[in-house]
């Protein structure tokens, strides 16, 4: 089995064995596959790219092709224990609507995203005056799938405004499959944020 990325390891550590999981924008299914094999979860996934859906199905995962914003509406209330949206929220047109849907179909949600408040991004923007391109945000402004940029503090404010609760959080830096927690000034020094969320 392919080793999990550091951020996915943290998410996996938050998931109770035997849970029902919905993976939103689940990519090639690395996290769902690991959870199925190691924690015996019952998995469902939604992924928009056909080639990635094929990879998931080859792994024996139950994943359908479609838009997460639309397909999530087909699931009944409280059908899952967790809905996971890993490094996808910044590509969503209506994040508040997606969060509400996640917390309708699942008891809890997990959301992760690259931190636009990281010091390298701030310095890059200040020094060059152009949209930054980094390892975590590797696209130029004109070809990026990311339609929003947000920081860890932005997400905390968003939780207050939207009316959901942050139950747990992790601020991290990653390098390949390795990584470390950022404890001091996470909005400045973390490259990614991971949040476990629930209803208020």
Protein backbone atom coordinates (compact mmCIF):
# COMPACT_ATOMS: atom_id res chain seq x y z
CA UNK A 1 0.00 0.00 0.00
CA UNK A 2 1.30 3.47 -0.93
CA UNK A 3 2.24 5.50 2.16
CA UNK A 4 -0.16 8.34 2.92
CA UNK A 5 0.81 11.98 2.60
CA UNK A 6 1.42 13.63 5.96
CA UNK A 7 -1.82 15.65 5.87
CA UNK A 8 -3.84 12.53 5.06
CA UNK A 9 -2.19 10.67 7.96
CA UNK A 10 -3.51 13.33 10.32
CA UNK A 11 -7.01 13.11 8.86
CA UNK A 12 -6.88 9.31 9.10
CA UNK A 13 -5.90 9.53 12.78
CA UNK A 14 -9.11 11.47 13.48
CA UNK A 15 -11.39 8.82 11.94
CA UNK A 16 -12.93 6.20 14.22
CA UNK A 17 -12.68 2.57 13.05
CA UNK A 18 -15.76 1.20 11.29
CA UNK A 19 -17.10 4.66 10.43
CA UNK A 20 -19.16 5.57 7.38
CA UNK A 21 -17.14 8.00 5.27
CA UNK A 22 -17.99 10.29 2.35
CA UNK A 23 -14.94 11.56 0.46
CA UNK A 24 -15.62 14.76 -1.47
CA UNK A 25 -13.20 15.37 -4.31
CA UNK A 26 -11.45 12.16 -3.27
CA UNK A 27 -8.89 12.14 -6.11
CA UNK A 28 -7.44 8.69 -6.75
CA UNK A 29 -8.80 7.44 -3.44
CA UNK A 30 -5.57 7.10 -1.44
CA UNK A 31 -7.17 8.16 1.84
CA UNK A 32 -10.39 6.19 1.32
CA UNK A 33 -8.39 3.08 0.39
CA UNK A 34 -6.18 3.39 3.48
CA UNK A 35 -9.19 3.91 5.74
CA UNK A 36 -10.99 0.94 4.19
CA UNK A 37 -8.00 -1.39 4.65
CA UNK A 38 -6.70 -0.15 8.03
CA UNK A 39 -9.84 1.11 9.80
CA UNK A 40 -12.50 -0.97 8.03
CA UNK A 41 -14.63 2.04 7.16
CA UNK A 42 -17.60 1.93 4.80
CA UNK A 43 -16.56 4.37 2.09
CA UNK A 44 -18.29 6.40 -0.59
CA UNK A 45 -16.60 9.00 -2.75
CA UNK A 46 -17.40 11.70 -5.28
CA UNK A 47 -14.77 12.80 -7.80
CA UNK A 48 -15.24 14.92 -10.91
CA UNK A 49 -12.28 13.64 -12.99
CA UNK A 50 -13.09 10.42 -14.79
CA UNK A 51 -9.48 9.17 -14.84
CA UNK A 52 -9.30 9.49 -11.03
CA UNK A 53 -12.65 7.72 -10.60
CA UNK A 54 -11.26 4.82 -12.67
CA UNK A 55 -8.24 4.61 -10.31
CA UNK A 56 -10.61 4.50 -7.32
CA UNK A 57 -12.72 1.75 -8.85
CA UNK A 58 -9.56 -0.24 -9.64
CA UNK A 59 -8.80 -0.09 -5.90
CA UNK A 60 -12.23 -1.51 -5.13
CA UNK A 61 -13.64 1.77 -3.83
CA UNK A 62 -17.24 2.91 -4.17
CA UNK A 63 -16.77 6.24 -5.97
CA UNK A 64 -19.00 8.01 -8.46
CA UNK A 65 -18.13 10.66 -10.99
CA UNK A 66 -19.78 14.02 -10.52
CA UNK A 67 -19.76 17.49 -9.02
CA UNK A 68 -19.54 17.32 -5.22
CA UNK A 69 -21.90 20.29 -4.83
CA UNK A 70 -24.65 18.49 -6.75
CA UNK A 71 -24.05 14.83 -5.88
CA UNK A 72 -23.95 15.41 -2.11
CA UNK A 73 -27.59 16.49 -2.28
CA UNK A 74 -28.59 12.93 -3.22
CA UNK A 75 -27.55 11.59 0.18
CA UNK A 76 -30.01 11.52 3.10
CA UNK A 77 -29.45 13.32 6.39
CA UNK A 78 -26.92 11.73 8.77
CA UNK A 79 -25.97 9.00 6.28
CA UNK A 80 -22.28 9.24 7.28
CA UNK A 81 -20.12 9.69 10.34
CA UNK A 82 -17.62 11.91 8.48
CA UNK A 83 -17.63 13.91 5.23
CA UNK A 84 -14.07 14.68 4.15
CA UNK A 85 -13.14 17.57 1.84
CA UNK A 86 -9.34 17.41 1.60
CA UNK A 87 -7.62 20.25 -0.30
CA UNK A 88 -10.76 20.93 -2.33
CA UNK A 89 -12.58 23.74 -0.49
CA UNK A 90 -10.53 26.42 -2.30
CA UNK A 91 -11.96 25.12 -5.59
CA UNK A 92 -15.63 25.36 -4.52
CA UNK A 93 -17.90 28.18 -5.71
CA UNK A 94 -20.16 28.17 -2.65
CA UNK A 95 -18.14 26.93 0.35
CA UNK A 96 -20.83 27.82 2.90
CA UNK A 97 -23.40 25.72 1.02
CA UNK A 98 -20.96 22.80 0.79
CA UNK A 99 -20.16 22.96 4.52
CA UNK A 100 -23.89 22.98 5.34
CA UNK A 101 -24.41 19.96 3.08
CA UNK A 102 -21.45 18.15 4.66
CA UNK A 103 -22.89 18.67 8.14
CA UNK A 104 -26.33 17.60 6.94
CA UNK A 105 -25.20 14.23 5.56
CA UNK A 106 -22.53 13.56 8.23
CA UNK A 107 -22.12 14.00 11.97
CA UNK A 108 -18.77 15.71 11.43
CA UNK A 109 -16.73 17.12 8.57
CA UNK A 110 -13.02 17.31 7.86
CA UNK A 111 -11.73 20.20 5.76
CA UNK A 112 -8.14 20.91 4.71
CA UNK A 113 -6.61 23.54 2.44
CA UNK A 114 -3.34 25.33 1.63
CA UNK A 115 -2.72 28.35 3.86
CA UNK A 116 -2.51 31.55 1.80
CA UNK A 117 -1.37 33.37 4.95
CA UNK A 118 1.99 31.53 4.99
CA UNK A 119 5.01 33.81 5.34
CA UNK A 120 6.55 32.74 1.99
CA UNK A 121 3.37 33.73 0.16
CA UNK A 122 3.22 37.06 1.99
CA UNK A 123 6.87 37.83 1.23
CA UNK A 124 6.55 36.73 -2.39
CA UNK A 125 3.56 38.99 -2.91
CA UNK A 126 5.25 41.91 -1.13
CA UNK A 127 8.53 41.52 -3.03
CA UNK A 128 7.26 40.84 -6.54
CA UNK A 129 3.71 42.19 -6.51
CA UNK A 130 2.46 39.19 -8.47
CA UNK A 131 0.22 36.27 -7.59
CA UNK A 132 2.56 33.83 -5.85
CA UNK A 133 3.37 30.35 -7.15
CA UNK A 134 4.51 27.95 -4.42
CA UNK A 135 4.79 24.21 -3.82
CA UNK A 136 1.42 24.32 -2.05
CA UNK A 137 -0.19 26.63 -4.65
CA UNK A 138 1.71 25.54 -7.77
CA UNK A 139 -0.42 27.22 -10.43
CA UNK A 140 -0.21 30.57 -12.17
CA UNK A 141 -3.22 32.84 -11.68
CA UNK A 142 -4.55 32.06 -15.17
CA UNK A 143 -4.52 28.26 -14.97
CA UNK A 144 -5.31 27.53 -11.34
CA UNK A 145 -8.22 25.32 -10.28
CA UNK A 146 -8.30 27.35 -7.06
CA UNK A 147 -10.98 30.01 -7.27
CA UNK A 148 -10.47 31.16 -3.67
CA UNK A 149 -7.49 31.77 -1.47
CA UNK A 150 -7.83 31.61 2.29
CA UNK A 151 -5.75 31.52 5.42
CA UNK A 152 -6.21 29.57 8.64
CA UNK A 153 -7.56 32.72 10.31
CA UNK A 154 -9.99 33.24 7.40
CA UNK A 155 -11.42 29.78 8.02
CA UNK A 156 -11.84 30.46 11.75
CA UNK A 157 -13.73 33.68 10.93
CA UNK A 158 -15.78 31.80 8.32
CA UNK A 159 -16.80 29.26 10.98
CA UNK A 160 -18.07 32.06 13.22
CA UNK A 161 -19.97 33.72 10.37
CA UNK A 162 -21.43 30.52 8.93
CA UNK A 163 -22.38 28.93 12.24
CA UNK A 164 -20.39 25.72 12.45
CA UNK A 165 -18.00 24.68 15.20
CA UNK A 166 -14.29 23.84 14.92
CA UNK A 167 -13.86 20.69 17.03
CA UNK A 168 -10.19 20.07 16.33
CA UNK A 169 -7.46 21.62 14.21
CA UNK A 170 -3.95 20.95 12.95
CA UNK A 171 -1.55 23.39 11.35
CA UNK A 172 1.22 21.63 9.42
CA UNK A 173 4.19 21.93 7.10
CA UNK A 174 4.82 19.11 4.65
CA UNK A 175 7.64 17.81 2.53
CA UNK A 176 6.64 14.79 0.44
CA UNK A 177 5.24 12.17 2.81
CA UNK A 178 6.95 13.82 5.79
CA UNK A 179 5.72 16.76 7.80
CA UNK A 180 5.50 18.43 11.15
CA UNK A 181 2.99 20.26 13.31
CA UNK A 182 3.24 24.04 13.59
CA UNK A 183 2.41 25.18 17.11
CA UNK A 184 3.55 28.82 17.19
CA UNK A 185 1.90 31.44 14.94
CA UNK A 186 0.28 28.82 12.67
CA UNK A 187 -1.37 31.37 10.34
CA UNK A 188 2.11 32.68 9.55
CA UNK A 189 4.20 29.49 9.51
CA UNK A 190 1.90 26.59 8.50
CA UNK A 191 1.53 25.62 4.84
CA UNK A 192 -1.72 23.70 5.40
CA UNK A 193 -4.64 23.73 7.81
CA UNK A 194 -6.80 20.74 8.72
CA UNK A 195 -10.05 21.22 10.63
CA UNK A 196 -12.55 18.79 12.15
CA UNK A 197 -15.90 20.56 12.17
CA UNK A 198 -19.39 19.99 13.55
CA UNK A 199 -22.68 21.76 14.01
CA UNK A 200 -22.90 24.64 16.49
